[in-house]
Amino acid sequence: EVGAIVLSVAAAVVTKVGHFPINDRVRGWNPTSPPADWAETRAKWSALHRARTMATVGSFALLLLSNLTN
């Protein structure tokens, strides 16, 4: 259960520290004229999204395992 909590907190931190600043920046972009580094920003957002998804799925798996073994 502790591992599940740690992974859930990690997912929340990735969201707060990684996604929120990127989302705020992208919100200010002109859709018809994105900045030159838009592809790098998208790649970073996608990598953070994968990390958050893996942490969330891992957390769920640990909770499920914990419930199945108790």
PDB file of N, CA and C in Angstrom:
ATOM      1  N   GLU A   1       0.807  -1.195   0.000  1.00  0.00           N
ATOM      2  CA  GLU A   1       0.000   0.000   0.000  1.00  0.00           C
ATOM      3  C   GLU A   1       0.848   1.255   0.000  1.00  0.00           C
ATOM      4  N   VAL A   2       1.987   1.204   0.676  1.00  0.00           N
ATOM      5  CA  VAL A   2       2.876   2.369   0.709  1.00  0.00           C
ATOM      6  C   VAL A   2       3.395   2.670  -0.694  1.00  0.00           C
ATOM      7  N   GLY A   3       3.740   1.618  -1.426  1.00  0.00           N
ATOM      8  CA  GLY A   3       4.212   1.813  -2.797  1.00  0.00           C
ATOM      9  C   GLY A   3       3.154   2.459  -3.675  1.00  0.00           C
ATOM     10  N   ALA A   4       1.906   2.061  -3.484  1.00  0.00           N
ATOM     11  CA  ALA A   4       0.809   2.652  -4.254  1.00  0.00           C
ATOM     12  C   ALA A   4       0.660   4.127  -3.929  1.00  0.00           C
ATOM     13  N   ILE A   5       0.792   4.462  -2.664  1.00  0.00           N
ATOM     14  CA  ILE A   5       0.699   5.873  -2.265  1.00  0.00           C
ATOM     15  C   ILE A   5       1.855   6.668  -2.868  1.00  0.00           C
ATOM     16  N   VAL A   6       3.044   6.106  -2.809  1.00  0.00           N
ATOM     17  CA  VAL A   6       4.214   6.795  -3.375  1.00  0.00           C
ATOM     18  C   VAL A   6       4.024   7.049  -4.872  1.00  0.00           C
ATOM     19  N   LEU A   7       3.540   6.043  -5.587  1.00  0.00           N
ATOM     20  CA  LEU A   7       3.317   6.217  -7.028  1.00  0.00           C
ATOM     21  C   LEU A   7       2.201   7.220  -7.319  1.00  0.00           C
ATOM     22  N   SER A   8       1.175   7.230  -6.495  1.00  0.00           N
ATOM     23  CA  SER A   8       0.100   8.208  -6.676  1.00  0.00           C
ATOM     24  C   SER A   8       0.605   9.621  -6.437  1.00  0.00           C
ATOM     25  N   VAL A   9       1.409   9.790  -5.415  1.00  0.00           N
ATOM     26  CA  VAL A   9       1.994  11.106  -5.143  1.00  0.00           C
ATOM     27  C   VAL A   9       2.922  11.512  -6.288  1.00  0.00           C
ATOM     28  N   ALA A  10       3.697  10.567  -6.799  1.00  0.00           N
ATOM     29  CA  ALA A  10       4.586  10.865  -7.928  1.00  0.00           C
ATOM     30  C   ALA A  10       3.779  11.324  -9.142  1.00  0.00           C
ATOM     31  N   ALA A  11       2.657  10.671  -9.403  1.00  0.00           N
ATOM     32  CA  ALA A  11       1.805  11.074 -10.523  1.00  0.00           C
ATOM     33  C   ALA A  11       1.275  12.487 -10.317  1.00  0.00           C
ATOM     34  N   ALA A  12       0.882  12.801  -9.096  1.00  0.00           N
ATOM     35  CA  ALA A  12       0.388  14.146  -8.797  1.00  0.00           C
ATOM     36  C   ALA A  12       1.485  15.194  -8.959  1.00  0.00           C
ATOM     37  N   VAL A  13       2.697  14.860  -8.549  1.00  0.00           N
ATOM     38  CA  VAL A  13       3.817  15.796  -8.685  1.00  0.00           C
ATOM     39  C   VAL A  13       4.145  16.033 -10.157  1.00  0.00           C
ATOM     40  N   VAL A  14       4.147  14.975 -10.947  1.00  0.00           N
ATOM     41  CA  VAL A  14       4.389  15.130 -12.390  1.00  0.00           C
ATOM     42  C   VAL A  14       3.349  16.063 -13.001  1.00  0.00           C
ATOM     43  N   THR A  15       2.111  15.899 -12.582  1.00  0.00           N
ATOM     44  CA  THR A  15       1.045  16.752 -13.101  1.00  0.00           C
ATOM     45  C   THR A  15       1.268  18.203 -12.698  1.00  0.00           C
ATOM     46  N   LYS A  16       1.510  18.429 -11.421  1.00  0.00           N
ATOM     47  CA  LYS A  16       1.650  19.797 -10.896  1.00  0.00           C
ATOM     48  C   LYS A  16       2.906  20.488 -11.413  1.00  0.00           C
ATOM     49  N   VAL A  17       4.027  19.789 -11.378  1.00  0.00           N
ATOM     50  CA  VAL A  17       5.310  20.400 -11.722  1.00  0.00           C
ATOM     51  C   VAL A  17       5.603  20.349 -13.219  1.00  0.00           C
ATOM     52  N   GLY A  18       5.097  19.316 -13.888  1.00  0.00           N
ATOM     53  CA  GLY A  18       5.397  19.148 -15.306  1.00  0.00           C
ATOM     54  C   GLY A  18       4.298  19.618 -16.236  1.00  0.00           C
ATOM     55  N   HIS A  19       3.104  19.079 -16.054  1.00  0.00           N
ATOM     56  CA  HIS A  19       2.024  19.385 -16.991  1.00  0.00           C
ATOM     57  C   HIS A  19       1.442  20.778 -16.842  1.00  0.00           C
ATOM     58  N   PHE A  20       1.191  21.208 -15.610  1.00  0.00           N
ATOM     59  CA  PHE A  20       0.548  22.501 -15.431  1.00  0.00           C
ATOM     60  C   PHE A  20       1.332  23.647 -16.070  1.00  0.00           C
ATOM     61  N   PRO A  21       2.654  23.726 -15.859  1.00  0.00           N
ATOM     62  CA  PRO A  21       3.393  24.828 -16.510  1.00  0.00           C
ATOM     63  C   PRO A  21       3.351  24.749 -18.040  1.00  0.00           C
ATOM     64  N   ILE A  22       3.440  23.546 -18.580  1.00  0.00           N
ATOM     65  CA  ILE A  22       3.376  23.402 -20.040  1.00  0.00           C
ATOM     66  C   ILE A  22       1.985  23.795 -20.534  1.00  0.00           C
ATOM     67  N   ASN A  23       0.949  23.330 -19.855  1.00  0.00           N
ATOM     68  CA  ASN A  23      -0.414  23.678 -20.263  1.00  0.00           C
ATOM     69  C   ASN A  23      -0.637  25.187 -20.211  1.00  0.00           C
ATOM     70  N   ASP A  24      -0.120  25.841 -19.182  1.00  0.00           N
ATOM     71  CA  ASP A  24      -0.255  27.308 -19.081  1.00  0.00           C
ATOM     72  C   ASP A  24       0.439  28.002 -20.245  1.00  0.00           C
ATOM     73  N   ARG A  25       1.615  27.509 -20.599  1.00  0.00           N
ATOM     74  CA  ARG A  25       2.362  28.107 -21.710  1.00  0.00           C
ATOM     75  C   ARG A  25       1.633  27.900 -23.034  1.00  0.00           C
ATOM     76  N   VAL A  26       1.162  26.693 -23.264  1.00  0.00           N
ATOM     77  CA  VAL A  26       0.491  26.369 -24.525  1.00  0.00           C
ATOM     78  C   VAL A  26      -0.812  27.156 -24.668  1.00  0.00           C
ATOM     79  N   ARG A  27      -1.488  27.385 -23.556  1.00  0.00           N
ATOM     80  CA  ARG A  27      -2.740  28.142 -23.588  1.00  0.00           C
ATOM     81  C   ARG A  27      -2.554  29.527 -24.209  1.00  0.00           C
ATOM     82  N   GLY A  28      -1.357  30.087 -24.099  1.00  0.00           N
ATOM     83  CA  GLY A  28      -1.087  31.408 -24.635  1.00  0.00           C
ATOM     84  C   GLY A  28      -0.626  31.412 -26.084  1.00  0.00           C
ATOM     85  N   TRP A  29      -0.451  30.252 -26.668  1.00  0.00           N
ATOM     86  CA  TRP A  29       0.012  30.178 -28.053  1.00  0.00           C
ATOM     87  C   TRP A  29      -1.089  30.582 -29.025  1.00  0.00           C
ATOM     88  N   ASN A  30      -0.664  31.121 -30.149  1.00  0.00           N
ATOM     89  CA  ASN A  30      -1.574  31.380 -31.256  1.00  0.00           C
ATOM     90  C   ASN A  30      -1.685  30.071 -32.040  1.00  0.00           C
ATOM     91  N   PRO A  31      -2.880  29.491 -32.151  1.00  0.00           N
ATOM     92  CA  PRO A  31      -3.026  28.188 -32.812  1.00  0.00           C
ATOM     93  C   PRO A  31      -2.573  28.182 -34.272  1.00  0.00           C
ATOM     94  N   THR A  32      -2.657  29.302 -34.931  1.00  0.00           N
ATOM     95  CA  THR A  32      -2.252  29.341 -36.340  1.00  0.00           C
ATOM     96  C   THR A  32      -0.776  29.641 -36.512  1.00  0.00           C
ATOM     97  N   SER A  33      -0.111  29.998 -35.419  1.00  0.00           N
ATOM     98  CA  SER A  33       1.320  30.318 -35.498  1.00  0.00           C
ATOM     99  C   SER A  33       2.027  29.893 -34.210  1.00  0.00           C
ATOM    100  N   PRO A  34       2.198  28.575 -34.005  1.00  0.00           N
ATOM    101  CA  PRO A  34       2.867  28.117 -32.777  1.00  0.00           C
ATOM    102  C   PRO A  34       4.344  28.492 -32.792  1.00  0.00           C
ATOM    103  N   PRO A  35       4.975  28.527 -31.624  1.00  0.00           N
ATOM    104  CA  PRO A  35       6.397  28.866 -31.567  1.00  0.00           C
ATOM    105  C   PRO A  35       7.256  27.805 -32.256  1.00  0.00           C
ATOM    106  N   ALA A  36       8.473  28.168 -32.543  1.00  0.00           N
ATOM    107  CA  ALA A  36       9.382  27.272 -33.259  1.00  0.00           C
ATOM    108  C   ALA A  36       9.669  25.990 -32.477  1.00  0.00           C
ATOM    109  N   ASP A  37       9.631  26.062 -31.157  1.00  0.00           N
ATOM    110  CA  ASP A  37       9.967  24.883 -30.340  1.00  0.00           C
ATOM    111  C   ASP A  37       8.736  24.063 -29.929  1.00  0.00           C
ATOM    112  N   TRP A  38       7.650  24.191 -30.665  1.00  0.00           N
ATOM    113  CA  TRP A  38       6.418  23.493 -30.281  1.00  0.00           C
ATOM    114  C   TRP A  38       6.598  21.976 -30.261  1.00  0.00           C
ATOM    115  N   ALA A  39       7.405  21.437 -31.178  1.00  0.00           N
ATOM    116  CA  ALA A  39       7.585  19.976 -31.231  1.00  0.00           C
ATOM    117  C   ALA A  39       8.331  19.475 -29.987  1.00  0.00           C
ATOM    118  N   GLU A  40       9.308  20.236 -29.521  1.00  0.00           N
ATOM    119  CA  GLU A  40      10.035  19.847 -28.305  1.00  0.00           C
ATOM    120  C   GLU A  40       9.109  19.909 -27.090  1.00  0.00           C
ATOM    121  N   THR A  41       8.276  20.935 -27.060  1.00  0.00           N
ATOM    122  CA  THR A  41       7.319  21.065 -25.958  1.00  0.00           C
ATOM    123  C   THR A  41       6.339  19.899 -25.970  1.00  0.00           C
ATOM    124  N   ARG A  42       5.855  19.542 -27.140  1.00  0.00           N
ATOM    125  CA  ARG A  42       4.936  18.408 -27.264  1.00  0.00           C
ATOM    126  C   ARG A  42       5.619  17.112 -26.828  1.00  0.00           C
ATOM    127  N   ALA A  43       6.871  16.930 -27.214  1.00  0.00           N
ATOM    128  CA  ALA A  43       7.605  15.721 -26.833  1.00  0.00           C
ATOM    129  C   ALA A  43       7.785  15.643 -25.315  1.00  0.00           C
ATOM    130  N   LYS A  44       8.089  16.770 -24.693  1.00  0.00           N
ATOM    131  CA  LYS A  44       8.242  16.790 -23.234  1.00  0.00           C
ATOM    132  C   LYS A  44       6.905  16.483 -22.563  1.00  0.00           C
ATOM    133  N   TRP A  45       5.823  17.088 -23.056  1.00  0.00           N
ATOM    134  CA  TRP A  45       4.493  16.843 -22.491  1.00  0.00           C
ATOM    135  C   TRP A  45       4.137  15.361 -22.624  1.00  0.00           C
ATOM    136  N   SER A  46       4.419  14.782 -23.782  1.00  0.00           N
ATOM    137  CA  SER A  46       4.111  13.366 -24.008  1.00  0.00           C
ATOM    138  C   SER A  46       4.918  12.459 -23.080  1.00  0.00           C
ATOM    139  N   ALA A  47       6.196  12.776 -22.886  1.00  0.00           N
ATOM    140  CA  ALA A  47       7.031  11.978 -21.983  1.00  0.00           C
ATOM    141  C   ALA A  47       6.505  12.064 -20.552  1.00  0.00           C
ATOM    142  N   LEU A  48       6.118  13.258 -20.133  1.00  0.00           N
ATOM    143  CA  LEU A  48       5.547  13.417 -18.799  1.00  0.00           C
ATOM    144  C   LEU A  48       4.227  12.654 -18.678  1.00  0.00           C
ATOM    145  N   HIS A  49       3.444  12.678 -19.732  1.00  0.00           N
ATOM    146  CA  HIS A  49       2.171  11.964 -19.726  1.00  0.00           C
ATOM    147  C   HIS A  49       2.404  10.454 -19.593  1.00  0.00           C
ATOM    148  N   ARG A  50       3.391   9.930 -20.308  1.00  0.00           N
ATOM    149  CA  ARG A  50       3.717   8.504 -20.187  1.00  0.00           C
ATOM    150  C   ARG A  50       4.161   8.163 -18.769  1.00  0.00           C
ATOM    151  N   ALA A  51       5.014   9.013 -18.186  1.00  0.00           N
ATOM    152  CA  ALA A  51       5.495   8.772 -16.820  1.00  0.00           C
ATOM    153  C   ALA A  51       4.337   8.796 -15.830  1.00  0.00           C
ATOM    154  N   ARG A  52       3.439   9.768 -15.989  1.00  0.00           N
ATOM    155  CA  ARG A  52       2.286   9.861 -15.092  1.00  0.00           C
ATOM    156  C   ARG A  52       1.377   8.641 -15.259  1.00  0.00           C
ATOM    157  N   THR A  53       1.165   8.215 -16.480  1.00  0.00           N
ATOM    158  CA  THR A  53       0.318   7.050 -16.733  1.00  0.00           C
ATOM    159  C   THR A  53       0.933   5.796 -16.117  1.00  0.00           C
ATOM    160  N   MET A  54       2.231   5.622 -16.290  1.00  0.00           N
ATOM    161  CA  MET A  54       2.895   4.447 -15.725  1.00  0.00           C
ATOM    162  C   MET A  54       2.815   4.466 -14.197  1.00  0.00           C
ATOM    163  N   ALA A  55       2.994   5.630 -13.586  1.00  0.00           N
ATOM    164  CA  ALA A  55       2.900   5.731 -12.130  1.00  0.00           C
ATOM    165  C   ALA A  55       1.486   5.414 -11.659  1.00  0.00           C
ATOM    166  N   THR A  56       0.493   5.918 -12.366  1.00  0.00           N
ATOM    167  CA  THR A  56      -0.902   5.678 -11.985  1.00  0.00           C
ATOM    168  C   THR A  56      -1.276   4.210 -12.153  1.00  0.00           C
ATOM    169  N   VAL A  57      -0.891   3.618 -13.264  1.00  0.00           N
ATOM    170  CA  VAL A  57      -1.185   2.193 -13.488  1.00  0.00           C
ATOM    171  C   VAL A  57      -0.433   1.339 -12.472  1.00  0.00           C
ATOM    172  N   GLY A  58       0.815   1.701 -12.189  1.00  0.00           N
ATOM    173  CA  GLY A  58       1.580   0.970 -11.179  1.00  0.00           C
ATOM    174  C   GLY A  58       0.936   1.062  -9.809  1.00  0.00           C
ATOM    175  N   SER A  59       0.445   2.232  -9.466  1.00  0.00           N
ATOM    176  CA  SER A  59      -0.239   2.420  -8.193  1.00  0.00           C
ATOM    177  C   SER A  59      -1.483   1.541  -8.116  1.00  0.00           C
ATOM    178  N   PHE A  60      -2.263   1.545  -9.181  1.00  0.00           N
ATOM    179  CA  PHE A  60      -3.462   0.708  -9.209  1.00  0.00           C
ATOM    180  C   PHE A  60      -3.104  -0.770  -9.098  1.00  0.00           C
ATOM    181  N   ALA A  61      -2.064  -1.189  -9.809  1.00  0.00           N
ATOM    182  CA  ALA A  61      -1.648  -2.590  -9.772  1.00  0.00           C
ATOM    183  C   ALA A  61      -1.208  -2.992  -8.365  1.00  0.00           C
ATOM    184  N   LEU A  62      -0.483  -2.125  -7.694  1.00  0.00           N
ATOM    185  CA  LEU A  62      -0.060  -2.434  -6.321  1.00  0.00           C
ATOM    186  C   LEU A  62      -1.253  -2.514  -5.371  1.00  0.00           C
ATOM    187  N   LEU A  63      -2.217  -1.620  -5.543  1.00  0.00           N
ATOM    188  CA  LEU A  63      -3.422  -1.689  -4.706  1.00  0.00           C
ATOM    189  C   LEU A  63      -4.207  -2.971  -4.981  1.00  0.00           C
ATOM    190  N   LEU A  64      -4.316  -3.314  -6.233  1.00  0.00           N
ATOM    191  CA  LEU A  64      -5.018  -4.541  -6.607  1.00  0.00           C
ATOM    192  C   LEU A  64      -4.304  -5.756  -6.026  1.00  0.00           C
ATOM    193  N   LEU A  65      -3.005  -5.807  -6.183  1.00  0.00           N
ATOM    194  CA  LEU A  65      -2.217  -6.909  -5.633  1.00  0.00           C
ATOM    195  C   LEU A  65      -2.361  -6.992  -4.123  1.00  0.00           C
ATOM    196  N   SER A  66      -2.335  -5.844  -3.471  1.00  0.00           N
ATOM    197  CA  SER A  66      -2.483  -5.810  -2.026  1.00  0.00           C
ATOM    198  C   SER A  66      -3.838  -6.371  -1.595  1.00  0.00           C
ATOM    199  N   ASN A  67      -4.875  -6.012  -2.329  1.00  0.00           N
ATOM    200  CA  ASN A  67      -6.208  -6.509  -1.977  1.00  0.00           C
ATOM    201  C   ASN A  67      -6.367  -7.991  -2.288  1.00  0.00           C
ATOM    202  N   LEU A  68      -5.707  -8.467  -3.311  1.00  0.00           N
ATOM    203  CA  LEU A  68      -5.814  -9.888  -3.656  1.00  0.00           C
ATOM    204  C   LEU A  68      -5.041 -10.780  -2.696  1.00  0.00           C
ATOM    205  N   THR A  69      -4.007 -10.258  -2.093  1.00  0.00           N
ATOM    206  CA  THR A  69      -3.182 -11.068  -1.190  1.00  0.00           C
ATOM    207  C   THR A  69      -3.619 -10.961   0.257  1.00  0.00           C
ATOM    208  N   ASN A  70      -4.548 -10.094   0.558  1.00  0.00           N
ATOM    209  CA  ASN A  70      -5.038  -9.961   1.946  1.00  0.00           C
ATOM    210  C   ASN A  70      -6.375 -10.607   2.128  1.00  0.00           C
TER     211      ASN A  70
END
